[in-house]
Amino acid sequence: MHHMLPLASAPEYICRIIVQENLVGAILAIAWVVVASCMFISPLTSFNRFITRWFQSDTVAFLALCVIAGLIACILFWLQLFLHISTILASEALARIDLQTLGLSKPHAFWILILLSLIGLGIGWGMRLSI
């Protein structure tokens, strides 16, 4: 089934397709793009602050260990999905390193990562709709 995109009603058509396909999935995908881009602005300093703040007590460390064990079980259960997600994160990390090597500031790198991720998401949705 091939969808034609009429020029006059393009925004209405796109909105109708998003609602028909899965609005929650679209919102989660766009939110994922923003969160992943925020995560790669300064990954090591943010991670270091998180670790030192949350792992000061033994109870929190134990609960974190239990949560990590549960996440590993979920990762093994849904290995194919996890491999797709880890590939996306690895490519975004490499893009962030390239942007840092170019000497771009953190806000510029953030917006470039957002823009490229949303373009890729749009191309993926477009390919899915054209099948």
C-alpha atoms as a PDB file:
ATOM      1  CA  MET A   1       0.000   0.000   0.000  1.00  0.00           C
ATOM      2  CA  HIS A   2       1.560   3.263  -1.151  1.00  0.00           C
ATOM      3  CA  HIS A   3       0.587   6.508   0.578  1.00  0.00           C
ATOM      4  CA  MET A   4       0.687   9.658  -1.516  1.00  0.00           C
ATOM      5  CA  LEU A   5       1.352  12.875   0.375  1.00  0.00           C
ATOM      6  CA  PRO A   6      -0.913  15.640  -0.981  1.00  0.00           C
ATOM      7  CA  LEU A   7       0.759  19.042  -0.899  1.00  0.00           C
ATOM      8  CA  ALA A   8      -2.253  21.056   0.274  1.00  0.00           C
ATOM      9  CA  SER A   9      -3.153  18.927   3.277  1.00  0.00           C
ATOM     10  CA  ALA A  10       0.277  17.639   4.286  1.00  0.00           C
ATOM     11  CA  PRO A  11       0.061  18.563   8.022  1.00  0.00           C
ATOM     12  CA  GLU A  12      -3.427  17.065   8.382  1.00  0.00           C
ATOM     13  CA  TYR A  13      -2.345  13.941   6.534  1.00  0.00           C
ATOM     14  CA  ILE A  14       0.763  13.494   8.693  1.00  0.00           C
ATOM     15  CA  CYS A  15      -1.251  14.004  11.881  1.00  0.00           C
ATOM     16  CA  ARG A  16      -3.880  11.510  10.735  1.00  0.00           C
ATOM     17  CA  ILE A  17      -1.204   8.926   9.933  1.00  0.00           C
ATOM     18  CA  ILE A  18       0.487   9.426  13.317  1.00  0.00           C
ATOM     19  CA  VAL A  19      -2.829   8.969  15.126  1.00  0.00           C
ATOM     20  CA  GLN A  20      -3.700   5.917  13.041  1.00  0.00           C
ATOM     21  CA  GLU A  21      -0.292   4.348  13.435  1.00  0.00           C
ATOM     22  CA  ASN A  22       0.361   5.001  17.119  1.00  0.00           C
ATOM     23  CA  LEU A  23       0.354   8.397  18.816  1.00  0.00           C
ATOM     24  CA  VAL A  24       1.952   7.097  22.000  1.00  0.00           C
ATOM     25  CA  GLY A  25       4.744   5.509  19.988  1.00  0.00           C
ATOM     26  CA  ALA A  26       5.368   8.799  18.190  1.00  0.00           C
ATOM     27  CA  ILE A  27       5.521  10.737  21.455  1.00  0.00           C
ATOM     28  CA  LEU A  28       7.856   8.172  23.014  1.00  0.00           C
ATOM     29  CA  ALA A  29      10.118   8.192  19.958  1.00  0.00           C
ATOM     30  CA  ILE A  30      10.411  11.987  19.957  1.00  0.00           C
ATOM     31  CA  ALA A  31      10.957  12.009  23.735  1.00  0.00           C
ATOM     32  CA  TRP A  32      13.673   9.368  23.292  1.00  0.00           C
ATOM     33  CA  VAL A  33      15.436  11.589  20.761  1.00  0.00           C
ATOM     34  CA  VAL A  34      15.450  14.516  23.194  1.00  0.00           C
ATOM     35  CA  VAL A  35      16.565  12.419  26.187  1.00  0.00           C
ATOM     36  CA  ALA A  36      19.352  10.702  24.236  1.00  0.00           C
ATOM     37  CA  SER A  37      20.607  14.044  22.932  1.00  0.00           C
ATOM     38  CA  CYS A  38      20.564  15.514  26.456  1.00  0.00           C
ATOM     39  CA  MET A  39      22.410  12.470  27.724  1.00  0.00           C
ATOM     40  CA  PHE A  40      25.242  12.947  25.254  1.00  0.00           C
ATOM     41  CA  ILE A  41      25.862  16.642  25.935  1.00  0.00           C
ATOM     42  CA  SER A  42      28.167  15.915  28.856  1.00  0.00           C
ATOM     43  CA  PRO A  43      27.846  12.202  29.554  1.00  0.00           C
ATOM     44  CA  LEU A  44      30.711  11.607  31.969  1.00  0.00           C
ATOM     45  CA  THR A  45      30.133  14.560  34.292  1.00  0.00           C
ATOM     46  CA  SER A  46      26.393  13.887  34.541  1.00  0.00           C
ATOM     47  CA  PHE A  47      26.973  10.190  35.163  1.00  0.00           C
ATOM     48  CA  ASN A  48      29.603  10.905  37.813  1.00  0.00           C
ATOM     49  CA  ARG A  49      27.245  13.257  39.683  1.00  0.00           C
ATOM     50  CA  PHE A  50      24.465  10.683  39.493  1.00  0.00           C
ATOM     51  CA  ILE A  51      26.654   7.884  40.865  1.00  0.00           C
ATOM     52  CA  THR A  52      28.069   9.895  43.758  1.00  0.00           C
ATOM     53  CA  ARG A  53      24.662  11.273  44.765  1.00  0.00           C
ATOM     54  CA  TRP A  54      22.636   8.048  44.697  1.00  0.00           C
ATOM     55  CA  PHE A  55      25.121   5.434  45.860  1.00  0.00           C
ATOM     56  CA  GLN A  56      26.056   6.894  49.230  1.00  0.00           C
ATOM     57  CA  SER A  57      24.046   4.358  51.243  1.00  0.00           C
ATOM     58  CA  ASP A  58      24.130   0.566  51.207  1.00  0.00           C
ATOM     59  CA  THR A  59      20.344   0.337  50.821  1.00  0.00           C
ATOM     60  CA  VAL A  60      20.347   2.370  47.631  1.00  0.00           C
ATOM     61  CA  ALA A  61      23.278   0.367  46.284  1.00  0.00           C
ATOM     62  CA  PHE A  62      21.430  -2.905  47.006  1.00  0.00           C
ATOM     63  CA  LEU A  63      18.223  -1.664  45.377  1.00  0.00           C
ATOM     64  CA  ALA A  64      20.195  -0.436  42.382  1.00  0.00           C
ATOM     65  CA  LEU A  65      21.807  -3.870  42.087  1.00  0.00           C
ATOM     66  CA  CYS A  66      18.354  -5.489  42.092  1.00  0.00           C
ATOM     67  CA  VAL A  67      17.098  -3.045  39.448  1.00  0.00           C
ATOM     68  CA  ILE A  68      20.189  -3.636  37.304  1.00  0.00           C
ATOM     69  CA  ALA A  69      19.659  -7.402  37.561  1.00  0.00           C
ATOM     70  CA  GLY A  70      16.053  -6.944  36.445  1.00  0.00           C
ATOM     71  CA  LEU A  71      17.142  -4.759  33.540  1.00  0.00           C
ATOM     72  CA  ILE A  72      19.669  -7.370  32.453  1.00  0.00           C
ATOM     73  CA  ALA A  73      16.920 -10.002  32.513  1.00  0.00           C
ATOM     74  CA  CYS A  74      14.723  -7.739  30.344  1.00  0.00           C
ATOM     75  CA  ILE A  75      17.638  -7.092  27.992  1.00  0.00           C
ATOM     76  CA  LEU A  76      18.226 -10.811  27.552  1.00  0.00           C
ATOM     77  CA  PHE A  77      14.504 -11.430  27.049  1.00  0.00           C
ATOM     78  CA  TRP A  78      14.210  -8.709  24.378  1.00  0.00           C
ATOM     79  CA  LEU A  79      17.699  -9.017  22.937  1.00  0.00           C
ATOM     80  CA  GLN A  80      16.810  -7.982  19.376  1.00  0.00           C
ATOM     81  CA  LEU A  81      15.175  -4.729  20.553  1.00  0.00           C
ATOM     82  CA  PHE A  82      18.103  -4.041  22.881  1.00  0.00           C
ATOM     83  CA  LEU A  83      20.576  -4.497  20.017  1.00  0.00           C
ATOM     84  CA  HIS A  84      18.691  -1.902  17.962  1.00  0.00           C
ATOM     85  CA  ILE A  85      18.683   0.545  20.891  1.00  0.00           C
ATOM     86  CA  SER A  86      22.374  -0.011  21.640  1.00  0.00           C
ATOM     87  CA  THR A  87      23.213   0.572  17.957  1.00  0.00           C
ATOM     88  CA  ILE A  88      21.334   3.868  18.025  1.00  0.00           C
ATOM     89  CA  LEU A  89      23.088   4.945  21.232  1.00  0.00           C
ATOM     90  CA  ALA A  90      26.498   3.971  19.841  1.00  0.00           C
ATOM     91  CA  SER A  91      25.925   5.962  16.657  1.00  0.00           C
ATOM     92  CA  GLU A  92      24.782   8.977  18.656  1.00  0.00           C
ATOM     93  CA  ALA A  93      27.866   8.705  20.876  1.00  0.00           C
ATOM     94  CA  LEU A  94      30.105   8.614  17.806  1.00  0.00           C
ATOM     95  CA  ALA A  95      28.300  11.630  16.358  1.00  0.00           C
ATOM     96  CA  ARG A  96      28.805  13.475  19.652  1.00  0.00           C
ATOM     97  CA  ILE A  97      32.519  12.674  19.582  1.00  0.00           C
ATOM     98  CA  ASP A  98      32.746  13.992  16.023  1.00  0.00           C
ATOM     99  CA  LEU A  99      30.929  17.182  17.018  1.00  0.00           C
ATOM    100  CA  GLN A 100      33.228  17.611  20.010  1.00  0.00           C
ATOM    101  CA  THR A 101      36.260  17.101  17.769  1.00  0.00           C
ATOM    102  CA  LEU A 102      34.967  19.847  15.485  1.00  0.00           C
ATOM    103  CA  GLY A 103      34.973  22.189  18.492  1.00  0.00           C
ATOM    104  CA  LEU A 104      31.246  22.914  18.577  1.00  0.00           C
ATOM    105  CA  SER A 105      29.708  24.188  21.805  1.00  0.00           C
ATOM    106  CA  LYS A 106      27.379  21.994  23.862  1.00  0.00           C
ATOM    107  CA  PRO A 107      24.158  23.774  22.776  1.00  0.00           C
ATOM    108  CA  HIS A 108      25.155  23.562  19.109  1.00  0.00           C
ATOM    109  CA  ALA A 109      25.990  19.867  19.452  1.00  0.00           C
ATOM    110  CA  PHE A 110      22.680  19.264  21.257  1.00  0.00           C
ATOM    111  CA  TRP A 111      20.617  20.891  18.507  1.00  0.00           C
ATOM    112  CA  ILE A 112      22.556  19.135  15.754  1.00  0.00           C
ATOM    113  CA  LEU A 113      21.974  15.765  17.445  1.00  0.00           C
ATOM    114  CA  ILE A 114      18.269  16.574  17.888  1.00  0.00           C
ATOM    115  CA  LEU A 115      17.911  17.664  14.271  1.00  0.00           C
ATOM    116  CA  LEU A 116      19.722  14.656  12.811  1.00  0.00           C
ATOM    117  CA  SER A 117      17.839  12.235  15.052  1.00  0.00           C
ATOM    118  CA  LEU A 118      14.463  13.716  14.120  1.00  0.00           C
ATOM    119  CA  ILE A 119      15.378  13.628  10.422  1.00  0.00           C
ATOM    120  CA  GLY A 120      16.306   9.962  10.768  1.00  0.00           C
ATOM    121  CA  LEU A 121      13.095   9.264  12.659  1.00  0.00           C
ATOM    122  CA  GLY A 122      11.077  10.997   9.936  1.00  0.00           C
ATOM    123  CA  ILE A 123      12.844   9.050   7.188  1.00  0.00           C
ATOM    124  CA  GLY A 124      12.171   5.807   9.056  1.00  0.00           C
ATOM    125  CA  TRP A 125       8.491   6.625   9.482  1.00  0.00           C
ATOM    126  CA  GLY A 126       8.287   7.642   5.824  1.00  0.00           C
ATOM    127  CA  MET A 127       9.839   4.363   4.720  1.00  0.00           C
ATOM    128  CA  ARG A 128       7.481   2.435   6.965  1.00  0.00           C
ATOM    129  CA  LEU A 129       4.456   4.215   5.532  1.00  0.00           C
ATOM    130  CA  SER A 130       5.579   3.624   1.954  1.00  0.00           C
ATOM    131  CA  ILE A 131       5.789  -0.148   2.394  1.00  0.00           C
END
